[in-house]
Structure formats: structure tokens, C-alpha cells
C-alpha atoms as a PDB file:
ATOM      1  CA  MET A   1      63.391 -98.854  54.493  1.00  0.00           C
ATOM      2  CA  LYS A   2      67.088 -97.330  54.530  1.00  0.00           C
ATOM      3  CA  SER A   3      65.699 -94.267  56.114  1.00  0.00           C
ATOM      4  CA  PHE A   4      63.619 -96.551  59.075  1.00  0.00           C
ATOM      5  CA  ARG A   5      66.992 -98.260  59.721  1.00  0.00           C
ATOM      6  CA  LEU A   6      69.179 -95.399  59.471  1.00  0.00           C
ATOM      7  CA  ALA A   7      66.825 -93.894  62.178  1.00  0.00           C
ATOM      8  CA  ILE A   8      67.144 -96.887  64.233  1.00  0.00           C
ATOM      9  CA  PHE A   9      70.823 -96.760  64.129  1.00  0.00           C
ATOM     10  CA  THR A  10      71.152 -93.369  65.213  1.00  0.00           C
ATOM     11  CA  ALA A  11      68.819 -94.579  68.340  1.00  0.00           C
ATOM     12  CA  MET A  12      71.440 -96.984  69.167  1.00  0.00           C
ATOM     13  CA  ALA A  13      74.023 -94.642  68.963  1.00  0.00           C
ATOM     14  CA  ALA A  14      72.222 -92.124  71.033  1.00  0.00           C
ATOM     15  CA  LEU A  15      71.745 -94.257  74.107  1.00  0.00           C
ATOM     16  CA  ALA A  16      75.092 -95.636  74.105  1.00  0.00           C
ATOM     17  CA  SER A  17      76.669 -92.429  74.101  1.00  0.00           C
ATOM     18  CA  VAL A  18      74.247 -91.688  77.089  1.00  0.00           C
ATOM     19  CA  GLY A  19      75.431 -94.609  79.160  1.00  0.00           C
ATOM     20  CA  ALA A  20      78.780 -94.232  78.096  1.00  0.00           C
ATOM     21  CA  ALA A  21      78.149 -90.397  79.586  1.00  0.00           C
ATOM     22  CA  LEU A  22      76.747 -91.961  83.234  1.00  0.00           C
ATOM     23  CA  ALA A  23      80.112 -94.219  83.995  1.00  0.00           C
ATOM     24  CA  ALA A  24      82.003 -92.609  86.414  1.00  0.00           C
ATOM     25  CA  PRO A  25      85.701 -92.847  87.896  1.00  0.00           C
ATOM     26  CA  ALA A  26      85.615 -95.211  90.810  1.00  0.00           C
ATOM     27  CA  THR A  27      88.161 -97.531  92.592  1.00  0.00           C
ATOM     28  CA  VAL A  28      87.920-101.402  93.586  1.00  0.00           C
ATOM     29  CA  THR A  29      87.333-101.611  97.818  1.00  0.00           C
ATOM     30  CA  THR A  30      89.063-105.305  97.622  1.00  0.00           C
ATOM     31  CA  ASN A  31      89.902-108.408  95.781  1.00  0.00           C
ATOM     32  CA  VAL A  32      86.394-109.027  93.444  1.00  0.00           C
ATOM     33  CA  ASN A  33      85.716-111.160  90.385  1.00  0.00           C
ATOM     34  CA  VAL A  34      84.491-109.785  87.429  1.00  0.00           C
ATOM     35  CA  ARG A  35      82.036-111.677  85.544  1.00  0.00           C
ATOM     36  CA  SER A  36      80.389-111.694  82.140  1.00  0.00           C
ATOM     37  CA  GLY A  37      76.909-110.298  83.671  1.00  0.00           C
ATOM     38  CA  PRO A  38      74.886-109.346  86.614  1.00  0.00           C
ATOM     39  CA  SER A  39      74.477-112.361  88.618  1.00  0.00           C
ATOM     40  CA  GLN A  40      76.850-114.609  90.809  1.00  0.00           C
ATOM     41  CA  GLN A  41      76.177-117.658  88.160  1.00  0.00           C
ATOM     42  CA  THR A  42      77.855-116.045  85.497  1.00  0.00           C
ATOM     43  CA  ALA A  43      81.358-116.532  84.649  1.00  0.00           C
ATOM     44  CA  VAL A  44      84.104-115.340  86.338  1.00  0.00           C
ATOM     45  CA  LEU A  45      86.340-113.537  83.745  1.00  0.00           C
ATOM     46  CA  ASP A  46      88.901-111.671  85.661  1.00  0.00           C
ATOM     47  CA  VAL A  47      90.048-110.819  89.154  1.00  0.00           C
ATOM     48  CA  LEU A  48      90.798-106.647  89.949  1.00  0.00           C
ATOM     49  CA  GLN A  49      92.958-106.353  92.760  1.00  0.00           C
ATOM     50  CA  ALA A  50      91.577-104.325  95.765  1.00  0.00           C
ATOM     51  CA  GLY A  51      92.227-100.184  94.978  1.00  0.00           C
ATOM     52  CA  THR A  52      92.117-100.746  91.240  1.00  0.00           C
ATOM     53  CA  ARG A  53      90.497 -97.751  89.739  1.00  0.00           C
ATOM     54  CA  ILE A  54      88.023 -98.291  86.920  1.00  0.00           C
ATOM     55  CA  ASP A  55      84.988 -96.616  85.373  1.00  0.00           C
ATOM     56  CA  ALA A  56      81.943 -97.624  86.542  1.00  0.00           C
ATOM     57  CA  GLN A  57      77.618 -97.705  85.651  1.00  0.00           C
ATOM     58  CA  CYS A  58      76.210 -98.823  88.522  1.00  0.00           C
ATOM     59  CA  ASP A  59      72.254 -99.144  88.725  1.00  0.00           C
ATOM     60  CA  SER A  60      69.544-100.496  91.073  1.00  0.00           C
ATOM     61  CA  SER A  61      69.999-104.202  90.723  1.00  0.00           C
ATOM     62  CA  GLY A  62      73.313-104.267  92.701  1.00  0.00           C
ATOM     63  CA  TRP A  63      75.439-104.804  89.771  1.00  0.00           C
ATOM     64  CA  CYS A  64      77.942-102.103  88.034  1.00  0.00           C
ATOM     65  CA  ARG A  65      79.164-102.161  84.370  1.00  0.00           C
ATOM     66  CA  VAL A  66      82.793-101.173  84.844  1.00  0.00           C
ATOM     67  CA  SER A  67      85.826-101.217  82.460  1.00  0.00           C
ATOM     68  CA  TYR A  68      89.168-100.597  83.144  1.00  0.00           C
ATOM     69  CA  GLY A  69      91.726-100.166  79.842  1.00  0.00           C
ATOM     70  CA  ARG A  70      90.360-102.501  77.274  1.00  0.00           C
ATOM     71  CA  ALA A  71      88.518-105.054  79.280  1.00  0.00           C
ATOM     72  CA  SER A  72      85.265-104.461  80.911  1.00  0.00           C
ATOM     73  CA  GLY A  73      82.036-106.694  82.595  1.00  0.00           C
ATOM     74  CA  TRP A  74      80.453-107.021  86.096  1.00  0.00           C
ATOM     75  CA  VAL A  75      80.973-106.365  89.536  1.00  0.00           C
ATOM     76  CA  SER A  76      78.863-106.574  92.757  1.00  0.00           C
ATOM     77  CA  ALA A  77      77.990-102.328  93.328  1.00  0.00           C
ATOM     78  CA  ALA A  78      78.771-103.276  97.144  1.00  0.00           C
ATOM     79  CA  TYR A  79      82.778-103.834  96.162  1.00  0.00           C
ATOM     80  CA  VAL A  80      82.779-100.476  94.335  1.00  0.00           C
ATOM     81  CA  ALA A  81      83.689 -96.919  95.413  1.00  0.00           C
ATOM     82  CA  ILE A  82      82.504 -94.386  92.989  1.00  0.00           C
ATOM     83  CA  GLY A  83      84.998 -91.304  92.934  1.00  0.00           C
ATOM     84  CA  GLY A  84      87.404 -93.336  95.118  1.00  0.00           C
ATOM     85  CA  PRO A  85      87.451 -93.730  99.114  1.00  0.00           C
ATOM     86  CA  ALA A  86      86.092 -91.397 101.164  1.00  0.00           C
ATOM     87  CA  ILE A  87      88.218 -88.283 102.867  1.00  0.00           C
ATOM     88  CA  GLN A  88      88.568 -88.313 106.469  1.00  0.00           C
ATOM     89  CA  PRO A  89      87.824 -84.932 107.537  1.00  0.00           C
ATOM     90  CA  PRO A  90      90.529 -83.204 109.777  1.00  0.00           C
ATOM     91  CA  ARG A  91      90.643 -84.027 113.542  1.00  0.00           C
ATOM     92  CA  PRO A  92      89.631 -81.246 115.835  1.00  0.00           C
ATOM     93  CA  GLN A  93      92.567 -80.314 117.609  1.00  0.00           C
ATOM     94  CA  PRO A  94      92.214 -79.880 121.912  1.00  0.00           C
ATOM     95  CA  GLN A  95      91.745 -76.189 122.794  1.00  0.00           C
ATOM     96  CA  PRO A  96      94.026 -74.668 125.745  1.00  0.00           C
ATOM     97  CA  VAL A  97      91.854 -75.005 129.486  1.00  0.00           C
ATOM     98  CA  PRO A  98      91.834 -71.960 131.725  1.00  0.00           C
ATOM     99  CA  GLY A  99      92.143 -71.677 135.172  1.00  0.00           C
ATOM    100  CA  ASN A 100      89.285 -72.180 137.230  1.00  0.00           C
ATOM    101  CA  GLY A 101      88.130 -68.751 137.078  1.00  0.00           C
ATOM    102  CA  GLY A 102      87.194 -66.238 134.350  1.00  0.00           C
ATOM    103  CA  GLY A 103      90.243 -65.593 132.015  1.00  0.00           C
ATOM    104  CA  TRP A 104      90.794 -62.235 131.203  1.00  0.00           C
ATOM    105  CA  PHE A 105      89.021 -59.573 131.920  1.00  0.00           C
ATOM    106  CA  PRO A 106      90.197 -55.872 130.195  1.00  0.00           C
ATOM    107  CA  GLY A 107      87.090 -54.052 132.138  1.00  0.00           C
ATOM    108  CA  ASN A 108      89.163 -54.724 135.625  1.00  0.00           C
ATOM    109  CA  PRO A 109      93.206 -53.340 135.018  1.00  0.00           C
ATOM    110  CA  GLY A 110      95.687 -54.791 136.816  1.00  0.00           C
ATOM    111  CA  PRO A 111      97.514 -57.761 137.898  1.00  0.00           C
ATOM    112  CA  GLY A 112      96.822 -59.580 140.968  1.00  0.00           C
ATOM    113  CA  PRO A 113      95.479 -62.266 142.735  1.00  0.00           C
ATOM    114  CA  GLY A 114      92.149 -62.722 143.848  1.00  0.00           C
ATOM    115  CA  ASN A 115      88.378 -63.305 142.727  1.00  0.00           C
ATOM    116  CA  GLY A 116      88.030 -60.687 139.512  1.00  0.00           C
ATOM    117  CA  GLY A 117      90.827 -58.818 138.147  1.00  0.00           C
ATOM    118  CA  GLY A 118      92.338 -58.731 135.033  1.00  0.00           C
ATOM    119  CA  TRP A 119      95.195 -61.260 134.054  1.00  0.00           C
ATOM    120  CA  ASN A 120      96.457 -63.784 137.161  1.00  0.00           C
ATOM    121  CA  PRO A 121      99.343 -65.269 136.264  1.00  0.00           C
ATOM    122  CA  GLY A 122      99.760 -66.722 139.999  1.00  0.00           C
ATOM    123  CA  PRO A 123      97.623 -68.456 141.587  1.00  0.00           C
ATOM    124  CA  GLY A 124      93.563 -68.129 142.935  1.00  0.00           C
ATOM    125  CA  ASN A 125      90.245 -68.822 141.512  1.00  0.00           C
ATOM    126  CA  GLY A 126      90.693 -65.752 139.052  1.00  0.00           C
ATOM    127  CA  GLY A 127      92.106 -65.498 135.723  1.00  0.00           C
ATOM    128  CA  TRP A 128      94.394 -67.569 133.723  1.00  0.00           C
ATOM    129  CA  ASN A 129      95.916 -69.780 135.704  1.00  0.00           C
ATOM    130  CA  PRO A 130      99.251 -71.711 134.032  1.00  0.00           C
ATOM    131  CA  GLY A 131     100.120 -73.935 137.149  1.00  0.00           C
ATOM    132  CA  TRP A 132      96.471 -75.767 135.883  1.00  0.00           C
ATOM    133  CA  PRO A 133      97.541 -79.429 134.428  1.00  0.00           C
ATOM    134  CA  GLN A 134      97.732 -78.840 130.475  1.00  0.00           C
ATOM    135  CA  PRO A 135      95.747 -81.396 128.673  1.00  0.00           C
ATOM    136  CA  PRO A 136      98.150 -83.682 126.793  1.00  0.00           C
ATOM    137  CA  ARG A 137      99.426 -82.819 123.318  1.00  0.00           C
ATOM    138  CA  PRO A 138      97.974 -84.957 120.505  1.00  0.00           C
ATOM    139  CA  GLN A 139     100.364 -88.312 119.654  1.00  0.00           C
ATOM    140  CA  PRO A 140     100.774 -89.296 115.925  1.00  0.00           C
ATOM    141  CA  GLN A 141      99.088 -92.466 115.418  1.00  0.00           C
ATOM    142  CA  PRO A 142     100.917 -95.259 113.649  1.00  0.00           C
ATOM    143  CA  PRO A 143      99.401 -96.303 110.191  1.00  0.00           C
ATOM    144  CA  ARG A 144      96.837 -98.938 109.855  1.00  0.00           C
ATOM    145  CA  PRO A 145      97.897-102.001 108.790  1.00  0.00           C
ATOM    146  CA  PRO A 146      96.156-103.370 105.607  1.00  0.00           C
ATOM    147  CA  GLN A 147      92.495-104.371 106.114  1.00  0.00           C
ATOM    148  CA  PRO A 148      91.579-108.571 105.051  1.00  0.00           C
ATOM    149  CA  PRO A 149      89.161-108.695 102.436  1.00  0.00           C
ATOM    150  CA  VAL A 150      85.331-108.425 103.183  1.00  0.00           C
ATOM    151  CA  TYR A 151      84.289-111.839 102.883  1.00  0.00           C
ATOM    152  CA  GLU A 152      81.102-113.392 102.514  1.00  0.00           C
ATOM    153  CA  ASP A 153      78.834-116.233 104.355  1.00  0.00           C
ATOM    154  CA  ALA A 154      80.613-119.083 102.995  1.00  0.00           C
ATOM    155  CA  GLY A 155      83.114-119.847 100.793  1.00  0.00           C
ATOM    156  CA  ALA A 156      86.987-119.882  99.795  1.00  0.00           C
ATOM    157  CA  CYS A 157      89.737-117.355  99.016  1.00  0.00           C
ATOM    158  CA  PHE A 158      92.807-118.808  97.227  1.00  0.00           C
ATOM    159  CA  TYR A 159      96.468-117.768  97.010  1.00  0.00           C
ATOM    160  CA  SER A 160      99.620-117.682  94.475  1.00  0.00           C
ATOM    161  CA  GLU A 161     101.559-118.211  97.334  1.00  0.00           C
ATOM    162  CA  ARG A 162     101.442-120.607 100.624  1.00  0.00           C
ATOM    163  CA  ASN A 163     100.197-119.296 103.982  1.00  0.00           C
ATOM    164  CA  MET A 164      97.676-117.611 102.388  1.00  0.00           C
ATOM    165  CA  ARG A 165      99.486-114.810 101.050  1.00  0.00           C
ATOM    166  CA  GLY A 166     100.213-113.186  97.793  1.00  0.00           C
ATOM    167  CA  ARG A 167      97.517-112.142  94.946  1.00  0.00           C
ATOM    168  CA  SER A 168      94.311-114.034  95.695  1.00  0.00           C
ATOM    169  CA  PHE A 169      91.078-114.184  94.828  1.00  0.00           C
ATOM    170  CA  CYS A 170      87.537-115.591  96.430  1.00  0.00           C
ATOM    171  CA  LEU A 171      84.480-117.323  95.488  1.00  0.00           C
ATOM    172  CA  ASP A 172      81.058-117.669  97.558  1.00  0.00           C
ATOM    173  CA  GLN A 173      79.070-120.886  98.306  1.00  0.00           C
ATOM    174  CA  GLY A 174      77.787-122.773  95.290  1.00  0.00           C
ATOM    175  CA  GLU A 175      79.953-121.247  93.138  1.00  0.00           C
ATOM    176  CA  THR A 176      82.178-123.594  90.107  1.00  0.00           C
ATOM    177  CA  MET A 177      84.824-122.066  88.313  1.00  0.00           C
ATOM    178  CA  ASP A 178      85.180-125.053  85.264  1.00  0.00           C
ATOM    179  CA  SER A 179      88.219-123.205  83.890  1.00  0.00           C
ATOM    180  CA  LEU A 180      90.737-120.648  85.970  1.00  0.00           C
ATOM    181  CA  PRO A 181      90.589-117.225  84.857  1.00  0.00           C
ATOM    182  CA  ARG A 182      93.362-115.541  83.163  1.00  0.00           C
ATOM    183  CA  GLY A 183      97.086-115.552  85.132  1.00  0.00           C
ATOM    184  CA  TRP A 184      95.611-118.421  87.937  1.00  0.00           C
ATOM    185  CA  ASN A 185      95.975-121.986  85.931  1.00  0.00           C
ATOM    186  CA  ASP A 186      98.370-124.495  87.801  1.00  0.00           C
ATOM    187  CA  ALA A 187      98.743-121.110  90.076  1.00  0.00           C
ATOM    188  CA  ILE A 188      96.865-121.735  93.241  1.00  0.00           C
ATOM    189  CA  ARG A 189      99.683-122.862  96.579  1.00  0.00           C
ATOM    190  CA  SER A 190      96.997-122.588  99.511  1.00  0.00           C
ATOM    191  CA  VAL A 191      93.295-121.970 100.048  1.00  0.00           C
ATOM    192  CA  GLU A 192      91.212-120.520 103.104  1.00  0.00           C
ATOM    193  CA  VAL A 193      88.082-121.933 103.526  1.00  0.00           C
ATOM    194  CA  PHE A 194      85.585-120.288 106.124  1.00  0.00           C
ATOM    195  CA  GLY A 195      81.225-120.273 106.439  1.00  0.00           C
ATOM    196  CA  GLY A 196      81.447-124.008 106.467  1.00  0.00           C
ATOM    197  CA  ALA A 197      82.147-124.471 102.942  1.00  0.00           C
ATOM    198  CA  ARG A 198      83.964-127.206 101.275  1.00  0.00           C
ATOM    199  CA  VAL A 199      86.151-127.005  97.965  1.00  0.00           C
ATOM    200  CA  ASP A 200      87.366-129.652  95.468  1.00  0.00           C
ATOM    201  CA  LEU A 201      90.683-128.757  93.490  1.00  0.00           C
ATOM    202  CA  CYS A 202      90.960-130.584  90.243  1.00  0.00           C
ATOM    203  CA  SER A 203      94.219-130.795  87.951  1.00  0.00           C
ATOM    204  CA  ASP A 204      91.967-130.533  85.055  1.00  0.00           C
ATOM    205  CA  GLN A 205      89.491-128.388  83.675  1.00  0.00           C
ATOM    206  CA  PHE A 206      85.693-129.264  84.244  1.00  0.00           C
ATOM    207  CA  GLN A 207      86.552-131.067  87.974  1.00  0.00           C
ATOM    208  CA  TYR A 208      88.141-133.711  86.283  1.00  0.00           C
ATOM    209  CA  GLY A 209      91.823-135.021  86.838  1.00  0.00           C
ATOM    210  CA  ALA A 210      93.273-135.725  90.240  1.00  0.00           C
ATOM    211  CA  CYS A 211      90.840-133.777  92.839  1.00  0.00           C
ATOM    212  CA  VAL A 212      90.692-132.962  96.451  1.00  0.00           C
ATOM    213  CA  THR A 213      88.815-131.725  98.749  1.00  0.00           C
ATOM    214  CA  LEU A 214      89.337-128.884 101.233  1.00  0.00           C
ATOM    215  CA  ARG A 215      87.266-128.834 104.846  1.00  0.00           C
ATOM    216  CA  SER A 216      89.684-126.018 106.465  1.00  0.00           C
ATOM    217  CA  ASP A 217      92.069-123.627 105.700  1.00  0.00           C
ATOM    218  CA  THR A 218      95.367-125.371 104.139  1.00  0.00           C
ATOM    219  CA  PRO A 219      98.306-123.263 104.437  1.00  0.00           C
ATOM    220  CA  ARG A 220     100.372-125.591 101.819  1.00  0.00           C
ATOM    221  CA  LEU A 221      98.429-127.446  99.239  1.00  0.00           C
ATOM    222  CA  ARG A 222     100.129-131.047  99.512  1.00  0.00           C
ATOM    223  CA  GLY A 223     102.372-132.384  96.036  1.00  0.00           C
ATOM    224  CA  GLN A 224      99.546-133.793  93.417  1.00  0.00           C
ATOM    225  CA  ILE A 225      97.678-130.510  93.396  1.00  0.00           C
ATOM    226  CA  ASP A 226     100.111-127.725  94.758  1.00  0.00           C
ATOM    227  CA  SER A 227     100.656-125.086  91.831  1.00  0.00           C
ATOM    228  CA  GLN A 228      98.474-127.829  89.791  1.00  0.00           C
ATOM    229  CA  ALA A 229      94.593-126.850  89.631  1.00  0.00           C
ATOM    230  CA  SER A 230      92.799-125.759  87.012  1.00  0.00           C
ATOM    231  CA  SER A 231      89.100-126.211  88.142  1.00  0.00           C
ATOM    232  CA  ILE A 232      87.280-124.971  91.698  1.00  0.00           C
ATOM    233  CA  ASP A 233      83.801-126.265  93.178  1.00  0.00           C
ATOM    234  CA  VAL A 234      82.826-124.501  96.029  1.00  0.00           C
ATOM    235  CA  TYR A 235      79.691-126.075  97.807  1.00  0.00           C
END
């Protein structure tokens, strides 16, 4: 019996080491919820900010088991980039444009005008003609502004500052938070509502206490719920 239990323990350890080996460095592409299981119906454990480096093990279900520091959980694979953001290839540089004829022809020596000979620095229909307009030099492009989070069809995003600024996290329509994740209790100051969703913010856990219902973007929460929310229902 002892040898049988030892064999089972050895097999489980081998499976765990294989699972760890499949994890790969990755990056979170937008603000995203970390859940206790591979489903939107499971509890929200934490919120990762866009650009956070993680170790991810993804499967065909569309979810990734992630770890960061000493914490771990599940994140939708749609918001995970394995190995980090893709590297864009360099842009091709414009090439010089010759005149309306043949360019350099070493077989016909001697400069001069005409329709055939050699290097032709002057006007004409042969050789290289520097008098023709040159293509404009590429100008440096301004840096792209930060891109907004990728939203789903309906839901809401919650911000730590007024006018939809500061830290943020989002919930889809149909999601409920009976208690807010670490660092968010009594911290919400503005709310963005999209896709026809509605939001109930309550001052106590499990949707108790003073509650307000939001049907549209609210850049400044009112006094009774500003920095007082402890639970959320999006429907």
C-alpha cells in the first residue's frame, strides 16, 4: 500500500512539473480581471494593469493560468500576449528616382545629352537627371497616444480618480462583485458605462447599505457614494 501511494505522489509531482514547464513569459495587453477559475462566473481576485509581465499557461478553452510574484489565477486568453507585444518590422526606405531614361550605362562612354549615352547630368531623355523632382524625405512620426482599454459589448469601467482617470478595472454585463478586490474598497470616484448596461454601487458588501444606480458615464460620483463603494452589480 505504501509503495502504491508513493507511485501516485510521484506521478502527481511529474504532472505538476510538466505544467510549470509549459508556462511562458507573457504580457497583459489591457486592464484585466484575475479570477479564481476559468470562467466569468468565478470570483475576481485581483486586477492587472496593461503591460504587466506574467507567466502564462493557456489552453484551448480560451483561458490562461497566470502567475505574477507570489499570486496566481485565471485570465481570459484574449488579453494575454505570449512573449510580449509583437515587434514591428522596420519601414522600407524610399529609393532615389532616376530621370526619364536609362541611368548609368558604362557601355556607352562619355557624358552628354542624347537618348543613349553614359552619365547625363543635364536635361534630356537619357541618363540620370537630377533636375527631376525627388521624393520627399520621410518625416519622424509623433508617438502614438496611449490606447484605451478594449471593451466588450456591454459593461462598465471603474476609476480611482474623477473624470475617468487613474487606476481602473472593468466588469462585463451580468457580473457582480459582492466585495471589491484589494486596494479598491472605498476607492471608486468615477464610472464609465457602455453598451446599454446599468450599474448599482452600494456602500456595503453584498449590495447592502446606501446604493445608487448609474445608466450612463458618471465623471463625478455624488457625495453619498463617492469613495464609499464596497460592492457592485452590473446588469
